Structure formats: structure tokens, C-alpha cells
Amino acid sequence: MGIIHFPEMVPPRLPWTQRICYGVGHSLNDLCASMWFSYLIVYLQLVLGFDSNYAGLVLLIGQVADAIATPLLGYEASSNRETAICKKYGKRKFLHLIGTICVVLSFPFIYSVCPGCETASEFALTLMLIPLVIIFQVGWAAVQVSHLSLIPAITPHETERDFLNVLRYAVNIMSDMGTYVVVWCVFDLTRKPTGNHHTITGDYANKFMMITLIIVGIGSLFSIIFHLGVKEVVSTPLSSSENSLEKNSIPLSNSAFPIFSNNLSWRGWIRESHFYQVGLLYMCTRLFQNMSLVFMPLYLQESLRANDDFIAKIPLVMNVSGFVISCCLPKLFKVFGKKVTFLGGASMGIGACVWITVGSGPMYITQGVYGVGVLMGAASSSLVICALSFTHDLIGTSVESAAFVYGAMSFWDKIANGIVGMIIQHLHAVNCKDCDWFYKHVMSYGVGGVGILASIVITTLLPANLGERQSAYNGAVLTPKKEVINHSASTESQSNEKHPLLPK
């Protein structure tokens, strides 16, 4: 009589309550990030009356702090060192808690005027802001890294990990929209019946403080839900035989890739020309996205003199447009390929910048600028998601060194954003104290120039197979001979979130 072999028990799926609790665990970061990129310089420059140089310096210090903290915290989150409280509460959850406390205790004070500081110099106020900005950025990085690294720690199911990535991206989109809705509502509900509604001045200090408190309050509530509803249990990925038992499991291998591969060390990566090309492309796309977010409100205020609530309406339009196009990208990848889709996104962005150059008059200010927002938002999402997908293709089968690749690109992306922001603000201080052309040129020639540079870089990659290695130092590495459209990794939610060193 034969022996019946029973398959090993597959760990149960997460309950829906824990999935939802995990999904909202990054909401505080998402809400604060929208405020940071969209309104920091607006607040410092228009409300507090900072010189452009000081406003740019604060942004630069924040970006540098984030760039340094992210890889260090990623290394700490992946280490084997654990204290007694980490063993009891969960190492990643404890890091998330520390980061949340840092964000809650620092971020509201960045958008608050301290009592008695009304007569303080800009230099003194900047010195007061710097520690708060550093604490906020380190806390933000701690929450990001710990939240991302929790995915493999709470479920071994590959399909469920993918779902958590998608859920996290959806909550990110809703949080961004929520920030702009809060700003819009506060501006409208606190608006006086008479007065100037076109220029943001020092009178808006209380409005920004109210907005920040609402956002931090909502984010803190979601963080509490996360800590109460998510239980950290270290798990390991299912074996191939266990994965085959899942009804909708994703195959563990692709026929285009070899069963064996060589994993590159950092020394191997720095010898690869594609590493630098994709890195430059990724940096350009992040510059395009962040420059459009940071300087769009200043363009609306100083160049167009639009109503104050437009600094919420247009970013909201950009966000909705970006979300819609991100849902269409998998289909576009299948029909046109990723490189052609990237060129299409760059064309939309350059078209938006041309529209800004020629746009003028009341009709443009009240209606045409919405079209600019639609094109700019769609272009930003298309470029960033394509760049993330190119990075995934570049890594190929060298998955063990993926953290280094994403960490290096994240580091230089944040440094570049900070430096460019500082340079633009310095030029504003030198060339334009009270003019309406400067930020129009930044949004047209500056952002458009970045889009053109990204288009040039992608043309150098048109004949390239990003999975192949060029350096003899790396030996013979078998790689796919054609571009593979991976439907499960073609969106930002899955290319982005599987690696804890990747930024928002």
C-alpha cells in the first residue's frame, strides 16, 4: 500500500482588518510629504517673508537629511540586532513608532510661528527651523523604511505582498488628494467677505497652522489604527511547491530569465554604464515631478496672481490626472512598450511647459491653467513609473543587490532635488525681488528643460537591453534578450514598494 504525502500547511492569509490597518500605516507620511513639497517654500517665502535663499536652504537641508537617513535606517531595519522591546513589540513596528513620534512632534512647529518670534531675524528663524526639519526628515524616513519592510514580515504569500503594495499606493494617492482638499476647504471656509484673495501674505499664518494640525491629527489617527491592527510576525517566502498551491499565485520564474544568475556587488554595479544611464533618467524624472510640485504654487501666486485656493485646486488636478494615467500605463506598456510610453509622457510634460510659456490673459488664468495641471500631472506619473520600471529591468536577476541600486538612485535623486531647489531660490533672490516672470520661466524653461534632458537620455537607451551586463568584470551573465513587460511590476506601486530604500 503506497504512502500518501500531504503538502505542508500553507500559512493562512491575513484578515481584511489587518490588511486595511497596514494600508493606512503610511498616511501620516503621505499627508506631510504633500505639505512639504507643495507648500514649504510658499509658507516660508510668502507667509513668513523669508528671503528666497533662506527658503531654499531649509529645503536643501531637509532633502540632504532624508538622503542620508534613508539608507542608514534601511540598513538598521535589515540588521539582526534586537533589543528586548523590539522582540516583544516588533522591530519594524518599534522603528515606525519612533519615526511617528518624531514627525508628530516636529512637523506642526515647522508651520507655526513661535510666540515672541515676530521680530526675530530670518537667520535666527532659520536656525530654529533646521533642527525641526532634520527631526522630521529622519522620522519620515524611519516610518517609510519600517512600513515597507513590514510587508515580507507579516505575510509569506507573494500575491498578498503584491496586494499590500497596491493598497499602500492607493492610500498614498488618497492621502495626497486629502491634503489638497483640506487646504482648499480651509482657504474657502476662512475667507473674509471682502479683501484681496489673490495674494498669500503673513495673515495666512493661522490658516497654515490649522491645515497642519488637521493633517497631523488625521495622520496620527491612522498611525494608531496601524499599531493596534498590525501584528509583526517574521515570516519567510513560500517555497515554489507551496506557491503552486495558491490559486492565483505569480510564477516564480519567467522563461525569459535564466534559472541561475550572478548577483552583482556594488563594485560590479559601478562598472555598468546602464547603471549611470538609468540613474540619470530616474533623477531627471524625480526632478520633473518635484519641481512641478514645489514651484507650481509659486507660479500661480507670483506669476498669475490667481486666487489663493488655486494653490490647492491645481495640485489636486495634477494628482487626479496622475492617478488616472497610472491606471492606464500597464495597457500602454503592452501596446507601445515602456520606452515609447516614456517618450509620450515626456512629450506631454514638454507640451505643458510650452503652454505655460504662451499662456496669458484672464481665460488662461481661470480655465487654461487647469489644462496645464492635467498634462503636468499625467506626465509626472508616466515618467516616474516608467523610470521605476526601467530600474527594475536593470536589476534583472541580481535581486540581492537591488537595495544598493535603489538606495544609490534615491540618494542622488534627493540630493539633486535639494541642490536644484537651492539654486533656483538663490537666482530668485539675485534677479527677481518682486516680478511675475521668474517662476513662469522656472515652470516653462526649467521644468521643460528637465523633460528634454530625460528625452535625450531615453534615446540613448532605445537600443539597450537593460538586463545585459556590459563590463567584463561581471563575467558572463545570462539575461533576457528582449524587453519583458511584467504586468505585476509595471506600476509604481509594485516597482516602488518592494524595496525599502526607494522614496515616495
Protein backbone atom coordinates (compact mmCIF):
# COMPACT_ATOMS: atom_id res chain seq x y z
CA MET A 1 0.00 0.00 0.00
CA GLY A 2 1.50 3.32 -1.04
CA ILE A 3 2.26 6.18 1.30
CA ILE A 4 0.17 9.30 0.86
CA HIS A 5 2.20 12.51 1.03
CA PHE A 6 0.34 15.55 2.31
CA PRO A 7 1.58 19.00 1.33
CA GLU A 8 2.97 21.24 4.00
CA MET A 9 0.49 23.55 5.65
CA VAL A 10 0.32 26.91 3.91
CA PRO A 11 0.16 29.83 6.39
CA PRO A 12 -3.27 31.50 6.46
CA ARG A 13 -3.99 34.73 4.67
CA LEU A 14 -4.14 38.00 6.55
CA PRO A 15 -7.61 39.06 7.66
CA TRP A 16 -9.02 42.09 5.88
CA THR A 17 -8.86 44.16 9.06
CA GLN A 18 -5.09 43.71 9.26
CA ARG A 19 -4.68 44.48 5.56
CA ILE A 20 -6.57 47.76 5.95
CA CYS A 21 -4.69 48.63 9.12
CA TYR A 22 -1.40 48.09 7.30
CA GLY A 23 -2.53 50.14 4.30
CA VAL A 24 -3.18 53.27 6.39
CA GLY A 25 0.11 52.99 8.28
CA HIS A 26 1.92 55.38 5.91
CA SER A 27 -0.83 58.00 5.72
CA LEU A 28 0.89 60.42 8.12
CA ASN A 29 3.99 60.38 5.92
CA ASP A 30 1.96 60.86 2.74
CA LEU A 31 -0.01 63.80 4.15
CA CYS A 32 3.11 65.53 5.47
CA ALA A 33 5.05 64.91 2.25
CA SER A 34 2.36 66.70 0.23
CA MET A 35 2.57 69.69 2.57
CA TRP A 36 6.37 69.63 2.45
CA PHE A 37 6.79 69.67 -1.32
CA SER A 38 3.80 71.81 -2.26
CA TYR A 39 3.71 74.46 0.46
CA LEU A 40 7.01 74.71 2.35
CA ILE A 41 8.52 77.45 0.17
CA VAL A 42 5.12 79.14 -0.18
CA TYR A 43 4.85 79.30 3.61
CA LEU A 44 8.43 80.43 4.25
CA GLN A 45 8.58 82.95 1.42
CA LEU A 46 5.08 84.40 1.24
CA VAL A 47 3.80 83.99 4.80
CA LEU A 48 6.94 84.39 6.93
CA GLY A 49 8.61 86.71 4.44
CA PHE A 50 11.83 84.69 4.18
CA ASP A 51 14.42 85.65 1.60
CA SER A 52 14.50 83.11 -1.23
CA ASN A 53 17.97 81.98 -0.19
CA TYR A 54 16.85 81.02 3.30
CA ALA A 55 13.75 79.24 2.00
CA GLY A 56 15.89 77.25 -0.44
CA LEU A 57 18.40 76.44 2.31
CA VAL A 58 15.68 74.91 4.51
CA LEU A 59 14.51 72.76 1.59
CA LEU A 60 18.09 71.68 0.82
CA ILE A 61 18.84 70.69 4.42
CA GLY A 62 15.64 68.63 4.56
CA GLN A 63 16.48 66.77 1.35
CA VAL A 64 20.06 66.08 2.48
CA ALA A 65 18.86 64.80 5.87
CA ASP A 66 16.38 62.50 4.14
CA ALA A 67 19.02 61.27 1.67
CA ILE A 68 21.43 60.37 4.46
CA ALA A 69 18.86 58.91 6.87
CA THR A 70 17.07 56.61 4.42
CA PRO A 71 19.93 54.17 3.61
CA LEU A 72 21.17 54.18 7.22
CA LEU A 73 17.73 53.32 8.58
CA GLY A 74 17.28 50.75 5.82
CA TYR A 75 20.47 49.07 6.97
CA GLU A 76 19.30 49.17 10.58
CA ALA A 77 15.88 47.73 9.70
CA SER A 78 17.54 44.78 7.94
CA SER A 79 20.10 44.04 10.66
CA ASN A 80 19.78 41.22 13.19
CA ARG A 81 20.25 43.40 16.28
CA GLU A 82 17.21 43.47 18.54
CA THR A 83 16.51 44.90 21.97
CA ALA A 84 14.06 43.43 24.47
CA ILE A 85 11.27 45.83 23.46
CA CYS A 86 11.85 45.08 19.78
CA LYS A 87 11.47 41.35 20.41
CA LYS A 88 8.20 41.93 22.25
CA TYR A 89 6.64 44.68 20.14
CA GLY A 90 8.31 44.03 16.78
CA LYS A 91 11.48 45.68 15.50
CA ARG A 92 9.89 47.33 12.49
CA LYS A 93 6.81 48.46 14.37
CA PHE A 94 9.00 49.97 17.08
CA LEU A 95 11.02 51.87 14.44
CA HIS A 96 7.72 53.01 12.91
CA LEU A 97 6.56 54.23 16.33
CA ILE A 98 9.75 56.20 16.94
CA GLY A 99 9.50 57.77 13.48
CA THR A 100 5.84 58.67 14.01
CA ILE A 101 6.64 60.40 17.29
CA CYS A 102 9.41 62.39 15.61
CA VAL A 103 7.06 63.51 12.80
CA VAL A 104 4.20 64.43 15.16
CA LEU A 105 6.45 66.43 17.49
CA SER A 106 8.32 68.32 14.78
CA PHE A 107 6.16 68.87 11.69
CA PRO A 108 3.47 71.16 13.23
CA PHE A 109 6.17 73.52 14.53
CA ILE A 110 7.64 73.93 11.03
CA TYR A 111 4.38 75.62 10.00
CA SER A 112 3.92 77.58 13.25
CA VAL A 113 5.14 80.98 14.34
CA CYS A 114 6.68 80.78 17.79
CA PRO A 115 5.40 83.34 20.36
CA GLY A 116 7.70 86.34 20.55
CA CYS A 117 9.49 85.48 17.30
CA GLU A 118 7.70 88.09 15.20
CA THR A 119 10.68 90.42 15.35
CA ALA A 120 13.37 87.72 15.03
CA SER A 121 15.71 87.86 12.06
CA GLU A 122 15.45 85.44 9.16
CA PHE A 123 18.79 83.94 10.13
CA ALA A 124 17.58 83.23 13.67
CA LEU A 125 14.31 81.71 12.45
CA THR A 126 16.23 79.53 10.00
CA LEU A 127 18.46 78.25 12.80
CA MET A 128 15.33 77.38 14.78
CA LEU A 129 13.78 75.57 11.83
CA ILE A 130 16.81 73.44 10.92
CA PRO A 131 16.64 71.04 13.94
CA LEU A 132 12.88 70.64 13.41
CA VAL A 133 13.38 69.87 9.72
CA ILE A 134 16.10 67.30 10.45
CA ILE A 135 13.99 65.57 13.13
CA PHE A 136 11.01 65.50 10.74
CA GLN A 137 13.01 64.07 7.84
CA VAL A 138 14.69 61.40 9.97
CA GLY A 139 11.31 60.43 11.44
CA TRP A 140 9.75 60.41 7.98
CA ALA A 141 12.49 58.10 6.70
CA ALA A 142 12.06 55.79 9.72
CA VAL A 143 8.32 55.44 9.05
CA GLN A 144 8.89 54.85 5.34
CA VAL A 145 11.58 52.21 5.75
CA SER A 146 9.84 50.33 8.57
CA HIS A 147 6.46 50.34 6.82
CA LEU A 148 7.90 48.99 3.58
CA SER A 149 9.99 46.33 5.30
CA LEU A 150 6.93 45.07 7.20
CA ILE A 151 5.41 43.56 4.05
CA PRO A 152 7.62 40.44 3.97
CA ALA A 153 7.47 40.26 7.77
CA ILE A 154 3.70 39.87 8.07
CA THR A 155 2.87 37.56 5.16
CA PRO A 156 4.80 34.91 3.19
CA HIS A 157 2.31 34.92 0.28
CA GLU A 158 3.70 36.61 -2.82
CA THR A 159 0.28 37.57 -4.14
CA GLU A 160 -0.70 39.05 -0.79
CA ARG A 161 2.52 41.05 -0.66
CA ASP A 162 1.66 42.42 -4.10
CA PHE A 163 -1.81 43.32 -2.86
CA LEU A 164 -0.38 45.19 0.14
CA ASN A 165 1.83 47.16 -2.25
CA VAL A 166 -1.18 48.11 -4.35
CA LEU A 167 -3.20 49.01 -1.26
CA ARG A 168 -0.38 51.17 0.04
CA TYR A 169 -0.14 53.04 -3.27
CA ALA A 170 -3.92 53.61 -3.32
CA VAL A 171 -3.83 55.06 0.20
CA ASN A 172 -0.89 57.25 -0.87
CA ILE A 173 -2.96 58.71 -3.71
CA MET A 174 -5.94 59.33 -1.43
CA SER A 175 -3.72 60.97 1.18
CA ASP A 176 -2.25 63.36 -1.39
CA MET A 177 -5.73 64.28 -2.58
CA GLY A 178 -6.86 64.69 1.01
CA THR A 179 -4.10 67.22 1.69
CA TYR A 180 -5.16 69.45 -1.17
CA VAL A 181 -8.83 69.13 -0.24
CA VAL A 182 -8.04 70.24 3.33
CA VAL A 183 -6.09 73.25 2.04
CA TRP A 184 -8.90 74.16 -0.35
CA CYS A 185 -11.56 73.88 2.37
CA VAL A 186 -9.61 75.86 4.96
CA PHE A 187 -8.90 78.67 2.50
CA ASP A 188 -12.55 78.86 1.42
CA LEU A 189 -14.13 78.49 4.87
CA THR A 190 -11.87 81.07 6.49
CA ARG A 191 -12.13 83.57 3.63
CA LYS A 192 -13.29 87.05 4.54
CA PRO A 193 -16.24 88.52 2.55
CA THR A 194 -14.04 91.35 1.35
CA GLY A 195 -10.34 91.79 0.77
CA ASN A 196 -7.60 90.52 -1.51
CA HIS A 197 -7.97 86.81 -2.25
CA HIS A 198 -5.17 86.70 -4.79
CA THR A 199 -2.04 87.15 -2.67
CA ILE A 200 -0.94 84.95 0.21
CA THR A 201 0.58 87.09 2.95
CA GLY A 202 1.51 86.93 6.62
CA ASP A 203 -2.19 86.88 7.52
CA TYR A 204 -2.29 83.26 6.32
CA ALA A 205 -0.07 82.03 9.16
CA ASN A 206 -3.02 80.82 11.23
CA LYS A 207 -4.52 79.07 8.18
CA PHE A 208 -1.36 77.09 7.54
CA MET A 209 -1.11 76.18 11.22
CA MET A 210 -4.73 74.99 11.14
CA ILE A 211 -4.09 72.93 7.99
CA THR A 212 -1.01 71.34 9.51
CA LEU A 213 -2.78 70.43 12.76
CA ILE A 214 -5.67 68.85 10.83
CA ILE A 215 -3.30 66.83 8.66
CA VAL A 216 -1.14 65.66 11.55
CA GLY A 217 -4.25 64.81 13.56
CA ILE A 218 -5.72 62.69 10.77
CA GLY A 219 -2.36 61.03 10.10
CA SER A 220 -1.84 60.28 13.80
CA LEU A 221 -5.26 58.62 14.00
CA PHE A 222 -4.35 56.33 11.10
CA SER A 223 -0.99 55.57 12.74
CA ILE A 224 -2.79 54.48 15.92
CA ILE A 225 -5.05 52.22 13.83
CA PHE A 226 -1.93 50.75 12.22
CA HIS A 227 -0.21 49.96 15.52
CA LEU A 228 -3.35 48.46 17.03
CA GLY A 229 -4.27 46.37 13.99
CA VAL A 230 -0.95 45.07 12.62
CA LYS A 231 0.97 42.29 14.31
CA GLU A 232 4.58 41.82 13.27
CA VAL A 233 5.48 38.17 12.85
CA VAL A 234 8.65 37.29 10.99
CA SER A 235 7.79 35.11 8.01
CA THR A 236 9.66 33.59 5.08
CA PRO A 237 8.54 33.39 1.45
CA LEU A 238 6.72 30.25 0.44
CA SER A 239 8.64 27.64 -1.48
CA SER A 240 7.81 27.06 -5.11
CA SER A 241 5.77 23.97 -4.24
CA GLU A 242 3.74 25.91 -1.70
CA ASN A 243 3.24 28.78 -4.11
CA SER A 244 1.88 26.36 -6.68
CA LEU A 245 -0.95 25.58 -4.27
CA GLU A 246 -2.15 29.16 -4.44
CA LYS A 247 -4.90 29.62 -6.95
CA ASN A 248 -3.72 32.99 -8.25
CA SER A 249 -0.03 32.78 -7.47
CA ILE A 250 2.51 34.53 -9.70
CA PRO A 251 5.03 32.17 -11.32
CA LEU A 252 8.37 32.21 -9.57
CA SER A 253 10.33 32.34 -12.77
CA ASN A 254 9.99 33.78 -16.22
CA SER A 255 11.11 31.86 -19.25
CA ALA A 256 12.97 34.91 -20.47
CA PHE A 257 15.27 34.77 -17.45
CA PRO A 258 17.73 32.04 -16.60
CA ILE A 259 17.25 29.76 -13.64
CA PHE A 260 20.67 30.78 -12.34
CA SER A 261 22.26 34.22 -12.24
CA ASN A 262 25.14 36.22 -10.91
CA ASN A 263 24.31 38.80 -8.25
CA LEU A 264 26.41 41.91 -8.67
CA SER A 265 28.17 43.59 -5.78
CA TRP A 266 28.37 47.38 -5.57
CA ARG A 267 31.77 47.14 -7.25
CA GLY A 268 30.11 45.37 -10.16
CA TRP A 269 27.33 47.93 -10.47
CA ILE A 270 29.66 50.93 -10.66
CA ARG A 271 31.28 49.34 -13.73
CA GLU A 272 27.97 49.16 -15.59
CA SER A 273 27.21 52.01 -18.00
CA HIS A 274 23.47 51.27 -17.86
CA PHE A 275 23.58 51.87 -14.11
CA TYR A 276 24.53 55.52 -14.72
CA GLN A 277 22.15 56.00 -17.63
CA VAL A 278 19.14 54.70 -15.72
CA GLY A 279 20.27 56.61 -12.64
CA LEU A 280 20.38 59.87 -14.62
CA LEU A 281 16.97 59.08 -16.11
CA TYR A 282 15.49 58.39 -12.68
CA MET A 283 16.96 61.62 -11.29
CA CYS A 284 15.50 63.63 -14.20
CA THR A 285 12.02 62.19 -13.70
CA ARG A 286 12.09 62.93 -9.97
CA LEU A 287 13.33 66.46 -10.69
CA PHE A 288 10.49 66.96 -13.15
CA GLN A 289 7.92 65.73 -10.65
CA ASN A 290 9.21 67.58 -7.59
CA MET A 291 10.00 70.85 -9.38
CA SER A 292 6.47 70.95 -10.77
CA LEU A 293 5.06 70.32 -7.28
CA VAL A 294 7.28 72.81 -5.45
CA PHE A 295 7.11 75.72 -7.88
CA MET A 296 3.56 75.39 -9.26
CA PRO A 297 2.03 77.20 -6.23
CA LEU A 298 4.63 79.99 -6.53
CA TYR A 299 3.91 80.27 -10.25
CA LEU A 300 0.20 80.57 -9.52
CA GLN A 301 0.77 83.19 -6.84
CA GLU A 302 3.59 85.38 -8.15
CA SER A 303 3.22 84.98 -11.92
CA LEU A 304 -0.52 84.57 -12.48
CA ARG A 305 -1.84 86.29 -9.32
CA ALA A 306 -4.54 83.61 -9.23
CA ASN A 307 -6.93 83.18 -6.31
CA ASP A 308 -5.36 81.71 -3.19
CA ASP A 309 -7.34 78.46 -3.44
CA PHE A 310 -5.74 77.71 -6.82
CA ILE A 311 -2.63 76.50 -4.97
CA ALA A 312 -4.85 73.63 -3.79
CA LYS A 313 -7.02 73.16 -6.89
CA ILE A 314 -4.25 72.80 -9.48
CA PRO A 315 -2.12 70.32 -7.44
CA LEU A 316 -5.33 68.35 -6.85
CA VAL A 317 -5.99 68.28 -10.62
CA MET A 318 -2.39 67.15 -11.19
CA ASN A 319 -2.80 64.36 -8.65
CA VAL A 320 -6.08 63.08 -10.10
CA SER A 321 -4.64 63.19 -13.63
CA GLY A 322 -1.56 61.28 -12.48
CA PHE A 323 -3.68 58.62 -10.84
CA VAL A 324 -5.80 58.13 -13.97
CA ILE A 325 -2.77 57.77 -16.25
CA SER A 326 -1.08 55.36 -13.83
CA CYS A 327 -4.07 53.02 -14.20
CA CYS A 328 -3.65 53.09 -17.99
CA LEU A 329 0.11 52.52 -18.08
CA PRO A 330 0.07 48.68 -18.00
CA LYS A 331 -2.03 48.70 -21.17
CA LEU A 332 0.21 51.33 -22.78
CA PHE A 333 3.28 49.27 -21.90
CA LYS A 334 1.74 46.29 -23.66
CA VAL A 335 0.78 48.22 -26.80
CA PHE A 336 3.69 50.65 -27.24
CA GLY A 337 6.45 49.41 -24.93
CA LYS A 338 7.91 51.25 -21.96
CA LYS A 339 10.42 53.38 -23.85
CA VAL A 340 7.88 54.76 -26.30
CA THR A 341 5.44 55.35 -23.43
CA PHE A 342 8.17 57.28 -21.62
CA LEU A 343 8.70 59.49 -24.67
CA GLY A 344 4.96 60.09 -24.80
CA GLY A 345 4.93 61.17 -21.14
CA ALA A 346 7.91 63.48 -21.76
CA SER A 347 6.08 64.99 -24.73
CA MET A 348 3.04 65.74 -22.55
CA GLY A 349 5.26 67.40 -19.96
CA ILE A 350 7.11 69.49 -22.54
CA GLY A 351 3.74 70.43 -24.07
CA ALA A 352 2.53 71.66 -20.67
CA CYS A 353 5.68 73.78 -20.33
CA VAL A 354 5.13 75.29 -23.80
CA TRP A 355 1.54 76.08 -22.78
CA ILE A 356 2.87 77.88 -19.70
CA THR A 357 5.23 79.90 -21.93
CA VAL A 358 2.48 81.16 -24.24
CA GLY A 359 -0.40 81.19 -21.75
CA SER A 360 -1.67 84.58 -20.63
CA GLY A 361 -4.85 86.55 -20.09
CA PRO A 362 -7.93 86.05 -17.90
CA MET A 363 -9.13 82.99 -19.83
CA TYR A 364 -5.83 81.20 -19.26
CA ILE A 365 -5.71 82.12 -15.56
CA THR A 366 -9.24 80.91 -14.83
CA GLN A 367 -9.51 77.94 -17.22
CA GLY A 368 -6.40 77.20 -19.26
CA VAL A 369 -4.23 76.55 -16.22
CA TYR A 370 -6.40 73.50 -15.43
CA GLY A 371 -5.30 72.01 -18.75
CA VAL A 372 -1.68 72.64 -17.77
CA GLY A 373 -2.34 70.81 -14.50
CA VAL A 374 -3.82 67.81 -16.32
CA LEU A 375 -0.85 67.49 -18.69
CA MET A 376 1.74 68.10 -15.97
CA GLY A 377 0.22 65.54 -13.60
CA ALA A 378 -0.10 62.88 -16.30
CA ALA A 379 3.46 63.49 -17.46
CA SER A 380 4.91 63.31 -13.93
CA SER A 381 3.28 59.99 -13.13
CA SER A 382 4.16 58.50 -16.52
CA LEU A 383 7.82 59.47 -16.27
CA VAL A 384 8.33 58.32 -12.69
CA ILE A 385 6.56 54.99 -13.12
CA CYS A 386 8.45 54.26 -16.35
CA ALA A 387 11.75 55.15 -14.68
CA LEU A 388 10.97 52.80 -11.79
CA SER A 389 10.18 50.05 -14.27
CA PHE A 390 13.48 50.66 -16.09
CA THR A 391 15.27 50.35 -12.77
CA HIS A 392 13.54 47.02 -12.16
CA ASP A 393 14.65 45.83 -15.62
CA LEU A 394 18.19 46.99 -14.92
CA ILE A 395 18.38 44.90 -11.75
CA GLY A 396 17.07 41.86 -13.60
CA THR A 397 18.09 38.70 -11.77
CA SER A 398 20.56 40.48 -9.47
CA VAL A 399 17.88 40.82 -6.82
CA GLU A 400 20.22 40.52 -3.86
CA SER A 401 21.85 43.84 -4.73
CA ALA A 402 18.57 45.60 -5.52
CA ALA A 403 18.73 47.57 -2.26
CA PHE A 404 22.06 49.10 -3.32
CA VAL A 405 20.70 50.15 -6.72
CA TYR A 406 17.54 51.76 -5.35
CA GLY A 407 19.42 53.25 -2.43
CA ALA A 408 22.02 54.89 -4.70
CA MET A 409 19.37 56.32 -7.02
CA SER A 410 17.28 57.54 -4.09
CA PHE A 411 20.30 59.23 -2.53
CA TRP A 412 21.31 61.17 -5.65
CA ASP A 413 17.69 61.99 -6.50
CA LYS A 414 17.14 63.69 -3.14
CA ILE A 415 20.49 65.48 -3.22
CA ALA A 416 19.79 66.75 -6.75
CA ASN A 417 16.33 68.00 -5.80
CA GLY A 418 17.73 69.89 -2.84
CA ILE A 419 20.58 71.47 -4.82
CA VAL A 420 18.37 72.49 -7.74
CA GLY A 421 15.81 73.98 -5.36
CA MET A 422 18.54 75.98 -3.64
CA ILE A 423 19.96 77.25 -6.94
CA ILE A 424 16.53 78.38 -8.16
CA GLN A 425 15.81 80.20 -4.92
CA HIS A 426 19.22 81.90 -4.99
CA LEU A 427 18.61 83.08 -8.56
CA HIS A 428 15.24 84.43 -7.44
CA ALA A 429 16.87 86.42 -4.65
CA VAL A 430 19.51 87.83 -7.01
CA ASN A 431 17.46 88.56 -10.12
CA CYS A 432 13.86 89.00 -9.09
CA LYS A 433 12.58 90.50 -5.86
CA ASP A 434 9.06 91.40 -6.94
CA CYS A 435 8.44 90.23 -10.50
CA ASP A 436 5.98 87.97 -12.30
CA TRP A 437 8.30 86.32 -14.84
CA PHE A 438 10.72 84.30 -12.70
CA TYR A 439 8.60 81.32 -11.63
CA LYS A 440 6.92 81.31 -15.05
CA HIS A 441 10.36 80.71 -16.56
CA VAL A 442 11.12 78.08 -13.92
CA MET A 443 7.95 76.17 -14.80
CA SER A 444 8.43 76.57 -18.56
CA TYR A 445 12.15 76.57 -19.35
CA GLY A 446 13.34 74.89 -16.14
CA VAL A 447 10.87 72.01 -15.88
CA GLY A 448 10.66 71.76 -19.67
CA GLY A 449 14.45 71.57 -19.90
CA VAL A 450 14.47 68.64 -17.47
CA GLY A 451 11.85 66.93 -19.66
CA ILE A 452 14.01 67.45 -22.74
CA LEU A 453 17.07 66.07 -20.92
CA ALA A 454 15.07 62.99 -19.90
CA SER A 455 14.03 62.51 -23.54
CA ILE A 456 17.66 62.66 -24.65
CA VAL A 457 18.68 60.10 -22.03
CA ILE A 458 15.93 57.66 -23.03
CA THR A 459 17.00 57.86 -26.68
CA THR A 460 20.45 56.59 -25.64
CA LEU A 461 18.69 53.59 -24.08
CA LEU A 462 16.44 52.77 -27.05
CA PRO A 463 18.76 50.05 -28.43
CA ALA A 464 19.77 48.84 -24.95
CA ASN A 465 18.67 45.66 -23.22
CA LEU A 466 18.74 46.74 -19.60
CA GLY A 467 19.21 43.21 -18.29
CA GLU A 468 22.53 42.72 -20.04
CA ARG A 469 25.85 43.49 -18.36
CA GLN A 470 28.50 45.40 -20.28
CA SER A 471 31.52 45.08 -18.00
CA ALA A 472 33.88 42.13 -18.31
CA TYR A 473 34.40 42.46 -14.55
CA ASN A 474 30.93 41.00 -14.02
CA GLY A 475 31.58 37.93 -16.15
CA ALA A 476 29.09 36.22 -18.43
CA VAL A 477 25.65 36.96 -17.05
CA LEU A 478 22.72 35.38 -18.87
CA THR A 479 19.91 37.89 -19.30
CA PRO A 480 16.72 38.26 -21.31
CA LYS A 481 17.19 39.21 -24.97
CA LYS A 482 14.05 41.24 -25.27
CA GLU A 483 12.10 43.72 -23.24
CA VAL A 484 9.75 41.89 -20.89
CA ILE A 485 6.54 43.55 -19.89
CA ASN A 486 5.85 42.33 -16.38
CA HIS A 487 2.23 43.08 -15.70
CA SER A 488 2.63 42.58 -11.97
CA ALA A 489 5.53 45.03 -11.71
CA SER A 490 4.72 47.63 -14.33
CA THR A 491 3.11 50.08 -11.94
CA GLU A 492 4.82 52.28 -9.41
CA SER A 493 3.01 50.62 -6.55
CA GLN A 494 4.86 47.34 -7.08
CA SER A 495 8.15 48.53 -8.58
CA ASN A 496 8.45 51.12 -5.84
CA GLU A 497 7.31 49.43 -2.69
CA LYS A 498 9.26 46.17 -2.78
CA HIS A 499 12.47 47.98 -1.90
CA PRO A 500 12.65 49.88 1.40
CA LEU A 501 15.27 52.33 0.14
CA LEU A 502 13.06 53.76 -2.55
CA PRO A 503 11.49 57.21 -1.84
CA LYS A 504 7.74 58.12 -2.05
